[in-house]
Structure formats: structure tokens, C-alpha cells
PDB file of N, CA and C in Angstrom:
ATOM      1  N   UNK A   1     -49.362   3.646-192.131  1.00  0.00           N
ATOM      2  CA  UNK A   1     -48.133   4.436-192.098  1.00  0.00           C
ATOM      3  C   UNK A   1     -48.245   5.512-191.020  1.00  0.00           C
ATOM      4  N   UNK A   2     -47.132   5.739-190.367  1.00  0.00           N
ATOM      5  CA  UNK A   2     -47.061   6.767-189.327  1.00  0.00           C
ATOM      6  C   UNK A   2     -46.296   7.967-189.881  1.00  0.00           C
ATOM      7  N   UNK A   3     -46.451   9.087-189.205  1.00  0.00           N
ATOM      8  CA  UNK A   3     -45.717  10.300-189.581  1.00  0.00           C
ATOM      9  C   UNK A   3     -44.683  10.582-188.487  1.00  0.00           C
ATOM     10  N   UNK A   4     -43.429  10.731-188.896  1.00  0.00           N
ATOM     11  CA  UNK A   4     -42.366  11.106-187.956  1.00  0.00           C
ATOM     12  C   UNK A   4     -42.728  12.487-187.408  1.00  0.00           C
ATOM     13  N   UNK A   5     -42.914  12.626-186.084  1.00  0.00           N
ATOM     14  CA  UNK A   5     -43.338  13.917-185.531  1.00  0.00           C
ATOM     15  C   UNK A   5     -42.280  15.015-185.635  1.00  0.00           C
ATOM     16  N   UNK A   6     -41.042  14.639-185.894  1.00  0.00           N
ATOM     17  CA  UNK A   6     -39.971  15.641-185.978  1.00  0.00           C
ATOM     18  C   UNK A   6     -39.842  16.187-187.398  1.00  0.00           C
ATOM     19  N   UNK A   7     -39.655  15.306-188.382  1.00  0.00           N
ATOM     20  CA  UNK A   7     -39.403  15.768-189.754  1.00  0.00           C
ATOM     21  C   UNK A   7     -40.600  15.603-190.688  1.00  0.00           C
ATOM     22  N   UNK A   8     -41.675  14.969-190.169  1.00  0.00           N
ATOM     23  CA  UNK A   8     -42.927  14.768-190.911  1.00  0.00           C
ATOM     24  C   UNK A   8     -42.823  13.766-192.063  1.00  0.00           C
ATOM     25  N   UNK A   9     -41.766  12.969-192.111  1.00  0.00           N
ATOM     26  CA  UNK A   9     -41.662  11.921-193.129  1.00  0.00           C
ATOM     27  C   UNK A   9     -42.611  10.777-192.788  1.00  0.00           C
ATOM     28  N   UNK A  10     -43.017  10.037-193.802  1.00  0.00           N
ATOM     29  CA  UNK A  10     -43.856   8.861-193.607  1.00  0.00           C
ATOM     30  C   UNK A  10     -42.969   7.695-193.190  1.00  0.00           C
ATOM     31  N   UNK A  11     -43.411   6.956-192.163  1.00  0.00           N
ATOM     32  CA  UNK A  11     -42.638   5.832-191.643  1.00  0.00           C
ATOM     33  C   UNK A  11     -43.558   4.613-191.552  1.00  0.00           C
ATOM     34  N   UNK A  12     -43.086   3.480-192.026  1.00  0.00           N
ATOM     35  CA  UNK A  12     -43.856   2.235-191.944  1.00  0.00           C
ATOM     36  C   UNK A  12     -43.673   1.636-190.553  1.00  0.00           C
ATOM     37  N   UNK A  13     -44.768   1.519-189.817  1.00  0.00           N
ATOM     38  CA  UNK A  13     -44.692   1.009-188.447  1.00  0.00           C
ATOM     39  C   UNK A  13     -44.117  -0.407-188.388  1.00  0.00           C
ATOM     40  N   UNK A  14     -44.351  -1.194-189.422  1.00  0.00           N
ATOM     41  CA  UNK A  14     -43.899  -2.589-189.430  1.00  0.00           C
ATOM     42  C   UNK A  14     -42.385  -2.719-189.569  1.00  0.00           C
ATOM     43  N   UNK A  15     -41.756  -1.758-190.227  1.00  0.00           N
ATOM     44  CA  UNK A  15     -40.315  -1.869-190.477  1.00  0.00           C
ATOM     45  C   UNK A  15     -39.496  -0.782-189.781  1.00  0.00           C
ATOM     46  N   UNK A  16     -40.147   0.097-189.047  1.00  0.00           N
ATOM     47  CA  UNK A  16     -39.432   1.205-188.399  1.00  0.00           C
ATOM     48  C   UNK A  16     -38.411   0.682-187.382  1.00  0.00           C
ATOM     49  N   UNK A  17     -37.189   1.149-187.492  1.00  0.00           N
ATOM     50  CA  UNK A  17     -36.140   0.753-186.551  1.00  0.00           C
ATOM     51  C   UNK A  17     -36.138   1.646-185.319  1.00  0.00           C
ATOM     52  N   UNK A  18     -36.684   2.841-185.454  1.00  0.00           N
ATOM     53  CA  UNK A  18     -36.621   3.826-184.375  1.00  0.00           C
ATOM     54  C   UNK A  18     -38.020   4.178-183.909  1.00  0.00           C
ATOM     55  N   UNK A  19     -38.306   3.904-182.639  1.00  0.00           N
ATOM     56  CA  UNK A  19     -39.606   4.244-182.074  1.00  0.00           C
ATOM     57  C   UNK A  19     -39.461   4.485-180.581  1.00  0.00           C
ATOM     58  N   UNK A  20     -40.424   5.197-180.034  1.00  0.00           N
ATOM     59  CA  UNK A  20     -40.444   5.467-178.608  1.00  0.00           C
ATOM     60  C   UNK A  20     -41.898   5.609-178.179  1.00  0.00           C
ATOM     61  N   UNK A  21     -42.130   5.418-176.894  1.00  0.00           N
ATOM     62  CA  UNK A  21     -43.479   5.583-176.356  1.00  0.00           C
ATOM     63  C   UNK A  21     -43.486   6.796-175.441  1.00  0.00           C
ATOM     64  N   UNK A  22     -44.482   7.646-175.625  1.00  0.00           N
ATOM     65  CA  UNK A  22     -44.629   8.849-174.809  1.00  0.00           C
ATOM     66  C   UNK A  22     -46.089   8.980-174.431  1.00  0.00           C
ATOM     67  N   UNK A  23     -46.363   9.068-173.147  1.00  0.00           N
ATOM     68  CA  UNK A  23     -47.733   9.176-172.626  1.00  0.00           C
ATOM     69  C   UNK A  23     -48.637   8.086-173.192  1.00  0.00           C
ATOM     70  N   UNK A  24     -48.119   6.876-173.283  1.00  0.00           N
ATOM     71  CA  UNK A  24     -48.914   5.737-173.708  1.00  0.00           C
ATOM     72  C   UNK A  24     -49.089   5.573-175.209  1.00  0.00           C
ATOM     73  N   UNK A  25     -48.511   6.461-176.004  1.00  0.00           N
ATOM     74  CA  UNK A  25     -48.627   6.368-177.456  1.00  0.00           C
ATOM     75  C   UNK A  25     -47.244   6.109-178.058  1.00  0.00           C
ATOM     76  N   UNK A  26     -47.200   5.240-179.070  1.00  0.00           N
ATOM     77  CA  UNK A  26     -45.939   4.937-179.738  1.00  0.00           C
ATOM     78  C   UNK A  26     -45.748   5.878-180.929  1.00  0.00           C
ATOM     79  N   UNK A  27     -44.555   6.434-181.021  1.00  0.00           N
ATOM     80  CA  UNK A  27     -44.183   7.319-182.129  1.00  0.00           C
ATOM     81  C   UNK A  27     -43.044   6.660-182.898  1.00  0.00           C
ATOM     82  N   UNK A  28     -43.069   6.803-184.217  1.00  0.00           N
ATOM     83  CA  UNK A  28     -42.095   6.168-185.094  1.00  0.00           C
ATOM     84  C   UNK A  28     -41.256   7.236-185.780  1.00  0.00           C
ATOM     85  N   UNK A  29     -39.968   6.909-186.016  1.00  0.00           N
ATOM     86  CA  UNK A  29     -39.026   7.885-186.568  1.00  0.00           C
ATOM     87  C   UNK A  29     -38.255   7.310-187.745  1.00  0.00           C
ATOM     88  N   UNK A  30     -37.863   8.188-188.652  1.00  0.00           N
ATOM     89  CA  UNK A  30     -37.134   7.761-189.845  1.00  0.00           C
ATOM     90  C   UNK A  30     -35.653   7.523-189.552  1.00  0.00           C
ATOM     91  N   UNK A  31     -35.134   8.164-188.517  1.00  0.00           N
ATOM     92  CA  UNK A  31     -33.699   8.101-188.232  1.00  0.00           C
ATOM     93  C   UNK A  31     -33.450   8.317-186.735  1.00  0.00           C
ATOM     94  N   UNK A  32     -32.289   7.891-186.250  1.00  0.00           N
ATOM     95  CA  UNK A  32     -32.006   8.053-184.819  1.00  0.00           C
ATOM     96  C   UNK A  32     -31.978   9.514-184.370  1.00  0.00           C
ATOM     97  N   UNK A  33     -31.576  10.420-185.243  1.00  0.00           N
ATOM     98  CA  UNK A  33     -31.531  11.836-184.877  1.00  0.00           C
ATOM     99  C   UNK A  33     -32.904  12.392-184.548  1.00  0.00           C
ATOM    100  N   UNK A  34     -33.899  11.982-185.316  1.00  0.00           N
ATOM    101  CA  UNK A  34     -35.276  12.430-185.063  1.00  0.00           C
ATOM    102  C   UNK A  34     -35.766  11.874-183.727  1.00  0.00           C
ATOM    103  N   UNK A  35     -35.457  10.618-183.452  1.00  0.00           N
ATOM    104  CA  UNK A  35     -35.869   9.998-182.188  1.00  0.00           C
ATOM    105  C   UNK A  35     -35.243  10.730-181.001  1.00  0.00           C
ATOM    106  N   UNK A  36     -33.962  11.034-181.100  1.00  0.00           N
ATOM    107  CA  UNK A  36     -33.255  11.738-180.018  1.00  0.00           C
ATOM    108  C   UNK A  36     -33.852  13.126-179.805  1.00  0.00           C
ATOM    109  N   UNK A  37     -34.096  13.844-180.898  1.00  0.00           N
ATOM    110  CA  UNK A  37     -34.683  15.185-180.787  1.00  0.00           C
ATOM    111  C   UNK A  37     -36.039  15.132-180.097  1.00  0.00           C
ATOM    112  N   UNK A  38     -36.867  14.172-180.492  1.00  0.00           N
ATOM    113  CA  UNK A  38     -38.193  14.031-179.895  1.00  0.00           C
ATOM    114  C   UNK A  38     -38.085  13.714-178.408  1.00  0.00           C
ATOM    115  N   UNK A  39     -37.220  12.788-178.045  1.00  0.00           N
ATOM    116  CA  UNK A  39     -37.100  12.383-176.644  1.00  0.00           C
ATOM    117  C   UNK A  39     -36.582  13.507-175.749  1.00  0.00           C
ATOM    118  N   UNK A  40     -35.809  14.428-176.319  1.00  0.00           N
ATOM    119  CA  UNK A  40     -35.304  15.561-175.537  1.00  0.00           C
ATOM    120  C   UNK A  40     -36.411  16.554-175.199  1.00  0.00           C
ATOM    121  N   UNK A  41     -37.389  16.724-176.106  1.00  0.00           N
ATOM    122  CA  UNK A  41     -38.477  17.684-175.882  1.00  0.00           C
ATOM    123  C   UNK A  41     -39.715  17.281-176.671  1.00  0.00           C
ATOM    124  N   UNK A  42     -40.424  16.218-176.229  1.00  0.00           N
ATOM    125  CA  UNK A  42     -41.585  15.730-176.993  1.00  0.00           C
ATOM    126  C   UNK A  42     -42.667  16.777-177.222  1.00  0.00           C
ATOM    127  N   UNK A  43     -42.946  17.586-176.231  1.00  0.00           N
ATOM    128  CA  UNK A  43     -44.034  18.571-176.362  1.00  0.00           C
ATOM    129  C   UNK A  43     -43.764  19.577-177.477  1.00  0.00           C
ATOM    130  N   UNK A  44     -42.509  19.866-177.735  1.00  0.00           N
ATOM    131  CA  UNK A  44     -42.149  20.790-178.811  1.00  0.00           C
ATOM    132  C   UNK A  44     -42.682  20.290-180.148  1.00  0.00           C
ATOM    133  N   UNK A  45     -42.642  18.975-180.361  1.00  0.00           N
ATOM    134  CA  UNK A  45     -43.057  18.404-181.636  1.00  0.00           C
ATOM    135  C   UNK A  45     -44.537  18.020-181.655  1.00  0.00           C
ATOM    136  N   UNK A  46     -45.157  17.870-180.511  1.00  0.00           N
ATOM    137  CA  UNK A  46     -46.543  17.449-180.479  1.00  0.00           C
ATOM    138  C   UNK A  46     -47.527  18.612-180.516  1.00  0.00           C
ATOM    139  N   UNK A  47     -47.105  19.811-180.191  1.00  0.00           N
ATOM    140  CA  UNK A  47     -48.051  20.925-180.144  1.00  0.00           C
ATOM    141  C   UNK A  47     -48.301  21.561-181.506  1.00  0.00           C
ATOM    142  N   UNK A  48     -47.539  21.172-182.519  1.00  0.00           N
ATOM    143  CA  UNK A  48     -47.754  21.768-183.837  1.00  0.00           C
ATOM    144  C   UNK A  48     -48.832  21.060-184.626  1.00  0.00           C
TER     145      UNK A  48
END
């Protein structure tokens, strides 16, 4: 299971509909809003 970097929800990598790759790593999201927020400013969510 992956953790959505925006809202911290648990996401199943096998069934996740929303994902993106940043700096060679794939991130999974629970909803399109979280994916959009992350893509606008990935470093904001990765430094915490």
C-alpha cells in the first residue's frame, strides 16, 4: 500500500486510478484533486 502524499490516505497501488511520476518515483493518489495539487507543487508535499 502507498500513502497519498497530499492527504496521507492509504492507496492500493494495484487499483489506484490516479498516479504520477516525479523524479523517477511513482506516487499514488486517492482522488484527482490530490493528484492535481501534488503536480502543481510536488516539493510542498514531499518535504514534510
